Amino acid sequence: MIEQLLDPTIIVSFLSLSALEIVLGIDNVVFLSLVVSRLPPEQRKRARQIGLGLALGMRIVMLFMITWIIGLTAPVISAFGYDLSWRDLILLAGGLFLLAKGVHEIHRGIEGHGEEITAGSAAAAGFTSIIIQIVLIDLVFSIDSIITAIGMTDIVGVMIAAVMVAIAVMYFASEVVSRFIERHPTTKMLALNFLLLIGVALIADGLHFHIPRGYIYFAMAFAALVEVFNVVSQRRRHKTNLEE
């Protein structure tokens, strides 16, 4: 058993798959950070723990249903010249949900309705509703994640270990991102636009038009870097005004 764990092939598979799962989890982190921000501060950590805990359990169960997961790629319906599988339908539904969610939140932000987190707005959002949204959108992202894992290794234990690492990174990363968004409200609009971008990519994947994730992540990283420069510039101006 120990010799198997120390097998270089297994170690490389685990490290590669963990890195890939973490990268694929970027989309999840953006959504999680935004949806949790609708809750009162004292409930956010609990929502992240419950949501990602359920998501981890769901991914592990799905890994033990590998045959069923592979079957999701088989065409089930034909529409408008496309042969769509259950995977395609799930991606389409997830993409449309992210577009609707992003547009709705952008509208709230621009119109100024419910922007601040109060007891009333938190009650409207609903703790249970937030948890359900986290788990459902994780299901969408998990399908591609697990199909990718199946393509990289056939050892279920390695897949589970890599998924656990990715979920742990998602948990801590979402907390950092959430705090940053809370301190700098302008970044929320940027994150919502990321959500729209991810939604479009999921819809494209569902219609068999694959957009290389490298392009999407580069655009997100570049926009985030510009926003960091804006935040730093704002801080310097504020500090200069205080000194004067």
C-alpha atoms as a PDB file:
ATOM      1  CA  MET A   1       0.000   0.000   0.000  1.00  0.00           C
ATOM      2  CA  ILE A   2       2.765   2.446   1.002  1.00  0.00           C
ATOM      3  CA  GLU A   3       4.798   1.500  -2.070  1.00  0.00           C
ATOM      4  CA  GLN A   4       1.758   2.239  -4.218  1.00  0.00           C
ATOM      5  CA  LEU A   5       1.321   5.678  -2.620  1.00  0.00           C
ATOM      6  CA  LEU A   6       5.007   6.445  -3.269  1.00  0.00           C
ATOM      7  CA  ASP A   7       4.742   5.384  -6.901  1.00  0.00           C
ATOM      8  CA  PRO A   8       6.020   8.394  -8.956  1.00  0.00           C
ATOM      9  CA  THR A   9       3.269   7.861 -11.534  1.00  0.00           C
ATOM     10  CA  ILE A  10       0.549   8.142  -8.887  1.00  0.00           C
ATOM     11  CA  ILE A  11       2.206  11.175  -7.274  1.00  0.00           C
ATOM     12  CA  VAL A  12       2.468  12.974 -10.625  1.00  0.00           C
ATOM     13  CA  SER A  13      -1.161  12.092 -11.425  1.00  0.00           C
ATOM     14  CA  PHE A  14      -2.313  13.430  -8.056  1.00  0.00           C
ATOM     15  CA  LEU A  15      -0.340  16.708  -8.359  1.00  0.00           C
ATOM     16  CA  SER A  16      -1.423  17.280 -11.966  1.00  0.00           C
ATOM     17  CA  LEU A  17      -5.061  16.511 -11.253  1.00  0.00           C
ATOM     18  CA  SER A  18      -5.065  18.664  -8.093  1.00  0.00           C
ATOM     19  CA  ALA A  19      -3.654  21.626 -10.036  1.00  0.00           C
ATOM     20  CA  LEU A  20      -6.227  21.130 -12.791  1.00  0.00           C
ATOM     21  CA  GLU A  21      -9.112  20.841 -10.319  1.00  0.00           C
ATOM     22  CA  ILE A  22      -7.991  24.057  -8.597  1.00  0.00           C
ATOM     23  CA  VAL A  23      -7.852  25.925 -11.922  1.00  0.00           C
ATOM     24  CA  LEU A  24     -11.283  24.592 -12.903  1.00  0.00           C
ATOM     25  CA  GLY A  25     -12.520  25.742  -9.481  1.00  0.00           C
ATOM     26  CA  ILE A  26     -11.838  29.425 -10.264  1.00  0.00           C
ATOM     27  CA  ASP A  27     -15.323  29.776 -11.761  1.00  0.00           C
ATOM     28  CA  ASN A  28     -16.795  28.236  -8.615  1.00  0.00           C
ATOM     29  CA  VAL A  29     -14.866  30.636  -6.367  1.00  0.00           C
ATOM     30  CA  VAL A  30     -16.240  33.675  -8.229  1.00  0.00           C
ATOM     31  CA  PHE A  31     -19.835  32.467  -7.929  1.00  0.00           C
ATOM     32  CA  LEU A  32     -19.457  31.383  -4.290  1.00  0.00           C
ATOM     33  CA  SER A  33     -17.928  34.719  -3.260  1.00  0.00           C
ATOM     34  CA  LEU A  34     -20.750  36.668  -4.870  1.00  0.00           C
ATOM     35  CA  VAL A  35     -23.687  34.598  -3.661  1.00  0.00           C
ATOM     36  CA  VAL A  36     -22.418  34.405  -0.065  1.00  0.00           C
ATOM     37  CA  SER A  37     -21.989  38.201   0.031  1.00  0.00           C
ATOM     38  CA  ARG A  38     -25.800  38.466   0.087  1.00  0.00           C
ATOM     39  CA  LEU A  39     -25.865  37.005   3.606  1.00  0.00           C
ATOM     40  CA  PRO A  40     -25.184  38.783   6.911  1.00  0.00           C
ATOM     41  CA  PRO A  41     -21.471  38.589   7.929  1.00  0.00           C
ATOM     42  CA  GLU A  42     -22.135  36.115  10.737  1.00  0.00           C
ATOM     43  CA  GLN A  43     -23.735  33.594   8.337  1.00  0.00           C
ATOM     44  CA  ARG A  44     -21.213  33.699   5.470  1.00  0.00           C
ATOM     45  CA  LYS A  45     -18.629  31.337   6.909  1.00  0.00           C
ATOM     46  CA  ARG A  46     -21.299  28.790   7.816  1.00  0.00           C
ATOM     47  CA  ALA A  47     -22.795  29.025   4.313  1.00  0.00           C
ATOM     48  CA  ARG A  48     -19.380  28.378   2.739  1.00  0.00           C
ATOM     49  CA  GLN A  49     -18.776  25.397   5.042  1.00  0.00           C
ATOM     50  CA  ILE A  50     -22.173  23.785   4.450  1.00  0.00           C
ATOM     51  CA  GLY A  51     -22.280  24.521   0.714  1.00  0.00           C
ATOM     52  CA  LEU A  52     -18.774  23.267  -0.040  1.00  0.00           C
ATOM     53  CA  GLY A  53     -19.161  20.329   2.376  1.00  0.00           C
ATOM     54  CA  LEU A  54     -22.232  19.166   0.473  1.00  0.00           C
ATOM     55  CA  ALA A  55     -20.451  19.850  -2.812  1.00  0.00           C
ATOM     56  CA  LEU A  56     -17.501  17.686  -1.726  1.00  0.00           C
ATOM     57  CA  GLY A  57     -19.823  14.849  -0.741  1.00  0.00           C
ATOM     58  CA  MET A  58     -21.639  15.143  -4.054  1.00  0.00           C
ATOM     59  CA  ARG A  59     -18.390  14.976  -6.046  1.00  0.00           C
ATOM     60  CA  ILE A  60     -17.174  11.927  -4.152  1.00  0.00           C
ATOM     61  CA  VAL A  61     -20.493  10.150  -4.769  1.00  0.00           C
ATOM     62  CA  MET A  62     -20.245  11.064  -8.458  1.00  0.00           C
ATOM     63  CA  LEU A  63     -16.717   9.633  -8.625  1.00  0.00           C
ATOM     64  CA  PHE A  64     -18.066   6.280  -7.461  1.00  0.00           C
ATOM     65  CA  MET A  65     -20.629   6.506 -10.274  1.00  0.00           C
ATOM     66  CA  ILE A  66     -18.018   6.780 -13.017  1.00  0.00           C
ATOM     67  CA  THR A  67     -19.938   4.582 -15.462  1.00  0.00           C
ATOM     68  CA  TRP A  68     -23.005   6.801 -15.083  1.00  0.00           C
ATOM     69  CA  ILE A  69     -20.906   9.967 -15.490  1.00  0.00           C
ATOM     70  CA  ILE A  70     -19.373   8.677 -18.722  1.00  0.00           C
ATOM     71  CA  GLY A  71     -22.874   7.858 -19.927  1.00  0.00           C
ATOM     72  CA  LEU A  72     -23.836  11.528 -19.553  1.00  0.00           C
ATOM     73  CA  THR A  73     -21.826  12.294 -22.694  1.00  0.00           C
ATOM     74  CA  ALA A  74     -24.012  10.073 -24.877  1.00  0.00           C
ATOM     75  CA  PRO A  75     -26.551  12.019 -27.022  1.00  0.00           C
ATOM     76  CA  VAL A  76     -30.111  11.927 -25.699  1.00  0.00           C
ATOM     77  CA  ILE A  77     -31.920  14.481 -27.889  1.00  0.00           C
ATOM     78  CA  SER A  78     -31.409  16.323 -31.154  1.00  0.00           C
ATOM     79  CA  ALA A  79     -32.398  19.964 -31.501  1.00  0.00           C
ATOM     80  CA  PHE A  80     -31.610  22.581 -34.172  1.00  0.00           C
ATOM     81  CA  GLY A  81     -29.023  20.287 -35.722  1.00  0.00           C
ATOM     82  CA  TYR A  82     -27.261  19.530 -32.406  1.00  0.00           C
ATOM     83  CA  ASP A  83     -27.002  16.150 -30.712  1.00  0.00           C
ATOM     84  CA  LEU A  84     -27.254  17.050 -27.030  1.00  0.00           C
ATOM     85  CA  SER A  85     -26.229  14.833 -24.128  1.00  0.00           C
ATOM     86  CA  TRP A  86     -27.241  15.171 -20.473  1.00  0.00           C
ATOM     87  CA  ARG A  87     -23.861  16.867 -19.907  1.00  0.00           C
ATOM     88  CA  ASP A  88     -24.691  19.422 -22.630  1.00  0.00           C
ATOM     89  CA  LEU A  89     -28.130  20.091 -21.141  1.00  0.00           C
ATOM     90  CA  ILE A  90     -26.656  20.571 -17.657  1.00  0.00           C
ATOM     91  CA  LEU A  91     -24.040  22.991 -19.013  1.00  0.00           C
ATOM     92  CA  LEU A  92     -26.710  24.927 -20.935  1.00  0.00           C
ATOM     93  CA  ALA A  93     -28.925  25.171 -17.849  1.00  0.00           C
ATOM     94  CA  GLY A  94     -25.974  26.257 -15.694  1.00  0.00           C
ATOM     95  CA  GLY A  95     -24.873  28.867 -18.227  1.00  0.00           C
ATOM     96  CA  LEU A  96     -28.370  30.333 -18.515  1.00  0.00           C
ATOM     97  CA  PHE A  97     -28.648  30.413 -14.720  1.00  0.00           C
ATOM     98  CA  LEU A  98     -25.343  32.309 -14.407  1.00  0.00           C
ATOM     99  CA  LEU A  99     -26.415  34.801 -17.083  1.00  0.00           C
ATOM    100  CA  ALA A 100     -29.737  35.406 -15.334  1.00  0.00           C
ATOM    101  CA  LYS A 101     -28.050  35.669 -11.924  1.00  0.00           C
ATOM    102  CA  GLY A 102     -25.381  38.040 -13.211  1.00  0.00           C
ATOM    103  CA  VAL A 103     -27.826  40.335 -15.029  1.00  0.00           C
ATOM    104  CA  HIS A 104     -30.148  40.388 -11.996  1.00  0.00           C
ATOM    105  CA  GLU A 105     -27.332  41.336  -9.604  1.00  0.00           C
ATOM    106  CA  ILE A 106     -25.948  43.982 -11.996  1.00  0.00           C
ATOM    107  CA  HIS A 107     -29.444  45.473 -12.242  1.00  0.00           C
ATOM    108  CA  ARG A 108     -29.720  45.583  -8.438  1.00  0.00           C
ATOM    109  CA  GLY A 109     -26.310  47.238  -8.206  1.00  0.00           C
ATOM    110  CA  ILE A 110     -26.955  49.916 -10.830  1.00  0.00           C
ATOM    111  CA  GLU A 111     -30.511  50.656  -9.720  1.00  0.00           C
ATOM    112  CA  GLY A 112     -29.363  50.740  -6.094  1.00  0.00           C
ATOM    113  CA  HIS A 113     -32.091  48.449  -4.762  1.00  0.00           C
ATOM    114  CA  GLY A 114     -30.996  46.088  -2.008  1.00  0.00           C
ATOM    115  CA  GLU A 115     -27.295  46.814  -2.462  1.00  0.00           C
ATOM    116  CA  GLU A 116     -26.552  47.076   1.217  1.00  0.00           C
ATOM    117  CA  ILE A 117     -26.828  43.901   3.307  1.00  0.00           C
ATOM    118  CA  THR A 118     -29.565  44.379   5.872  1.00  0.00           C
ATOM    119  CA  ALA A 119     -31.693  42.038   7.904  1.00  0.00           C
ATOM    120  CA  GLY A 120     -34.478  42.478   5.356  1.00  0.00           C
ATOM    121  CA  SER A 121     -32.331  41.772   2.311  1.00  0.00           C
ATOM    122  CA  ALA A 122     -30.661  38.804   4.048  1.00  0.00           C
ATOM    123  CA  ALA A 123     -34.066  37.332   4.850  1.00  0.00           C
ATOM    124  CA  ALA A 124     -35.096  37.843   1.216  1.00  0.00           C
ATOM    125  CA  ALA A 125     -32.007  36.051  -0.034  1.00  0.00           C
ATOM    126  CA  GLY A 126     -32.603  33.158   2.330  1.00  0.00           C
ATOM    127  CA  PHE A 127     -29.862  31.060   3.877  1.00  0.00           C
ATOM    128  CA  THR A 128     -31.327  27.835   2.497  1.00  0.00           C
ATOM    129  CA  SER A 129     -31.674  29.360  -0.959  1.00  0.00           C
ATOM    130  CA  ILE A 130     -27.992  30.346  -0.942  1.00  0.00           C
ATOM    131  CA  ILE A 131     -26.927  26.809   0.027  1.00  0.00           C
ATOM    132  CA  ILE A 132     -29.082  25.312  -2.739  1.00  0.00           C
ATOM    133  CA  GLN A 133     -27.586  27.696  -5.301  1.00  0.00           C
ATOM    134  CA  ILE A 134     -24.035  26.802  -4.218  1.00  0.00           C
ATOM    135  CA  VAL A 135     -24.699  23.067  -4.521  1.00  0.00           C
ATOM    136  CA  LEU A 136     -26.566  23.308  -7.851  1.00  0.00           C
ATOM    137  CA  ILE A 137     -23.924  25.441  -9.555  1.00  0.00           C
ATOM    138  CA  ASP A 138     -21.219  23.179  -8.148  1.00  0.00           C
ATOM    139  CA  LEU A 139     -23.025  20.270  -9.820  1.00  0.00           C
ATOM    140  CA  VAL A 140     -22.698  22.069 -13.149  1.00  0.00           C
ATOM    141  CA  PHE A 141     -18.975  22.694 -12.674  1.00  0.00           C
ATOM    142  CA  SER A 142     -18.440  19.202 -11.252  1.00  0.00           C
ATOM    143  CA  ILE A 143     -19.583  17.416 -14.407  1.00  0.00           C
ATOM    144  CA  ASP A 144     -16.690  18.756 -16.504  1.00  0.00           C
ATOM    145  CA  SER A 145     -14.300  18.503 -13.561  1.00  0.00           C
ATOM    146  CA  ILE A 146     -14.990  14.811 -12.995  1.00  0.00           C
ATOM    147  CA  ILE A 147     -14.999  13.894 -16.689  1.00  0.00           C
ATOM    148  CA  THR A 148     -11.561  15.544 -16.886  1.00  0.00           C
ATOM    149  CA  ALA A 149     -10.418  13.583 -13.830  1.00  0.00           C
ATOM    150  CA  ILE A 150     -11.551  10.324 -15.425  1.00  0.00           C
ATOM    151  CA  GLY A 151      -9.459  11.179 -18.470  1.00  0.00           C
ATOM    152  CA  MET A 152      -6.312  11.715 -16.394  1.00  0.00           C
ATOM    153  CA  THR A 153      -6.335   8.695 -14.076  1.00  0.00           C
ATOM    154  CA  ASP A 154      -8.333   5.545 -13.423  1.00  0.00           C
ATOM    155  CA  ILE A 155      -7.561   5.416  -9.688  1.00  0.00           C
ATOM    156  CA  VAL A 156     -10.606   6.606  -7.749  1.00  0.00           C
ATOM    157  CA  GLY A 157      -8.547   7.289  -4.600  1.00  0.00           C
ATOM    158  CA  VAL A 158      -6.345   9.753  -6.493  1.00  0.00           C
ATOM    159  CA  MET A 159      -9.424  11.485  -7.910  1.00  0.00           C
ATOM    160  CA  ILE A 160     -11.013  11.827  -4.460  1.00  0.00           C
ATOM    161  CA  ALA A 161      -7.792  13.178  -2.922  1.00  0.00           C
ATOM    162  CA  ALA A 162      -7.433  15.752  -5.730  1.00  0.00           C
ATOM    163  CA  VAL A 163     -11.074  16.834  -5.364  1.00  0.00           C
ATOM    164  CA  MET A 164     -10.639  17.256  -1.585  1.00  0.00           C
ATOM    165  CA  VAL A 165      -7.583  19.466  -2.163  1.00  0.00           C
ATOM    166  CA  ALA A 166      -9.496  21.552  -4.716  1.00  0.00           C
ATOM    167  CA  ILE A 167     -12.500  22.007  -2.397  1.00  0.00           C
ATOM    168  CA  ALA A 168     -10.191  23.083   0.466  1.00  0.00           C
ATOM    169  CA  VAL A 169      -8.498  25.659  -1.783  1.00  0.00           C
ATOM    170  CA  MET A 170     -11.921  26.864  -2.954  1.00  0.00           C
ATOM    171  CA  TYR A 171     -13.035  27.340   0.657  1.00  0.00           C
ATOM    172  CA  PHE A 172     -10.080  29.500   1.664  1.00  0.00           C
ATOM    173  CA  ALA A 173      -9.919  31.343  -1.671  1.00  0.00           C
ATOM    174  CA  SER A 174     -13.630  32.217  -1.556  1.00  0.00           C
ATOM    175  CA  GLU A 175     -13.181  33.692   1.936  1.00  0.00           C
ATOM    176  CA  VAL A 176     -10.329  35.919   0.738  1.00  0.00           C
ATOM    177  CA  VAL A 177     -12.229  36.983  -2.391  1.00  0.00           C
ATOM    178  CA  SER A 178     -15.402  37.675  -0.369  1.00  0.00           C
ATOM    179  CA  ARG A 179     -13.519  39.922   2.046  1.00  0.00           C
ATOM    180  CA  PHE A 180     -11.883  41.806  -0.819  1.00  0.00           C
ATOM    181  CA  ILE A 181     -15.259  42.364  -2.515  1.00  0.00           C
ATOM    182  CA  GLU A 182     -16.723  43.545   0.805  1.00  0.00           C
ATOM    183  CA  ARG A 183     -13.897  46.080   1.283  1.00  0.00           C
ATOM    184  CA  HIS A 184     -13.998  47.245  -2.341  1.00  0.00           C
ATOM    185  CA  PRO A 185     -17.600  47.281  -3.630  1.00  0.00           C
ATOM    186  CA  THR A 186     -16.527  48.285  -7.163  1.00  0.00           C
ATOM    187  CA  THR A 187     -14.934  44.866  -7.579  1.00  0.00           C
ATOM    188  CA  LYS A 188     -18.365  43.277  -7.220  1.00  0.00           C
ATOM    189  CA  MET A 189     -19.387  44.633 -10.634  1.00  0.00           C
ATOM    190  CA  LEU A 190     -16.218  43.172 -12.117  1.00  0.00           C
ATOM    191  CA  ALA A 191     -16.939  39.784 -10.521  1.00  0.00           C
ATOM    192  CA  LEU A 192     -20.499  39.880 -11.882  1.00  0.00           C
ATOM    193  CA  ASN A 193     -19.129  40.440 -15.375  1.00  0.00           C
ATOM    194  CA  PHE A 194     -16.877  37.423 -14.813  1.00  0.00           C
ATOM    195  CA  LEU A 195     -20.056  35.511 -14.011  1.00  0.00           C
ATOM    196  CA  LEU A 196     -21.564  36.524 -17.359  1.00  0.00           C
ATOM    197  CA  LEU A 197     -18.373  35.475 -19.138  1.00  0.00           C
ATOM    198  CA  ILE A 198     -18.429  32.073 -17.437  1.00  0.00           C
ATOM    199  CA  GLY A 199     -22.121  31.671 -18.280  1.00  0.00           C
ATOM    200  CA  VAL A 200     -21.458  32.327 -21.979  1.00  0.00           C
ATOM    201  CA  ALA A 201     -18.570  29.805 -21.925  1.00  0.00           C
ATOM    202  CA  LEU A 202     -20.822  27.127 -20.388  1.00  0.00           C
ATOM    203  CA  ILE A 203     -23.529  27.721 -22.992  1.00  0.00           C
ATOM    204  CA  ALA A 204     -20.919  27.527 -25.762  1.00  0.00           C
ATOM    205  CA  ASP A 205     -19.626  24.226 -24.330  1.00  0.00           C
ATOM    206  CA  GLY A 206     -23.165  22.884 -24.166  1.00  0.00           C
ATOM    207  CA  LEU A 207     -23.576  23.701 -27.878  1.00  0.00           C
ATOM    208  CA  HIS A 208     -20.212  22.048 -28.699  1.00  0.00           C
ATOM    209  CA  PHE A 209     -18.386  25.343 -29.284  1.00  0.00           C
ATOM    210  CA  HIS A 210     -15.490  24.946 -26.877  1.00  0.00           C
ATOM    211  CA  ILE A 211     -13.832  28.198 -25.803  1.00  0.00           C
ATOM    212  CA  PRO A 212     -10.313  27.464 -24.481  1.00  0.00           C
ATOM    213  CA  ARG A 213     -10.384  28.280 -20.764  1.00  0.00           C
ATOM    214  CA  GLY A 214      -6.943  29.853 -21.074  1.00  0.00           C
ATOM    215  CA  TYR A 215      -8.470  32.776 -22.997  1.00  0.00           C
ATOM    216  CA  ILE A 216     -11.183  33.253 -20.402  1.00  0.00           C
ATOM    217  CA  TYR A 217      -8.833  33.059 -17.421  1.00  0.00           C
ATOM    218  CA  PHE A 218      -6.384  35.460 -19.107  1.00  0.00           C
ATOM    219  CA  ALA A 219      -9.185  37.996 -19.642  1.00  0.00           C
ATOM    220  CA  MET A 220     -10.301  37.594 -16.017  1.00  0.00           C
ATOM    221  CA  ALA A 221      -6.726  37.920 -14.716  1.00  0.00           C
ATOM    222  CA  PHE A 222      -6.060  41.018 -16.839  1.00  0.00           C
ATOM    223  CA  ALA A 223      -9.295  42.713 -15.734  1.00  0.00           C
ATOM    224  CA  ALA A 224      -8.561  41.821 -12.093  1.00  0.00           C
ATOM    225  CA  LEU A 225      -5.042  43.296 -12.416  1.00  0.00           C
ATOM    226  CA  VAL A 226      -6.466  46.554 -13.783  1.00  0.00           C
ATOM    227  CA  GLU A 227      -8.900  46.657 -10.855  1.00  0.00           C
ATOM    228  CA  VAL A 228      -6.030  46.113  -8.397  1.00  0.00           C
ATOM    229  CA  PHE A 229      -4.243  49.136  -9.910  1.00  0.00           C
ATOM    230  CA  ASN A 230      -7.461  51.159  -9.504  1.00  0.00           C
ATOM    231  CA  VAL A 231      -7.787  50.119  -5.847  1.00  0.00           C
ATOM    232  CA  VAL A 232      -4.137  51.004  -5.127  1.00  0.00           C
ATOM    233  CA  SER A 233      -4.567  54.353  -6.878  1.00  0.00           C
ATOM    234  CA  GLN A 234      -7.705  55.072  -4.838  1.00  0.00           C
ATOM    235  CA  ARG A 235      -5.889  54.305  -1.594  1.00  0.00           C
ATOM    236  CA  ARG A 236      -3.034  56.645  -2.509  1.00  0.00           C
ATOM    237  CA  ARG A 237      -5.432  59.485  -3.371  1.00  0.00           C
ATOM    238  CA  HIS A 238      -7.290  58.936  -0.110  1.00  0.00           C
ATOM    239  CA  LYS A 239      -4.038  58.963   1.854  1.00  0.00           C
ATOM    240  CA  THR A 240      -2.902  62.163   0.093  1.00  0.00           C
ATOM    241  CA  ASN A 241      -6.201  63.878   0.897  1.00  0.00           C
ATOM    242  CA  LEU A 242      -5.869  62.928   4.567  1.00  0.00           C
ATOM    243  CA  GLU A 243      -2.327  64.303   4.731  1.00  0.00           C
ATOM    244  CA  GLU A 244      -3.467  67.585   3.206  1.00  0.00           C
END
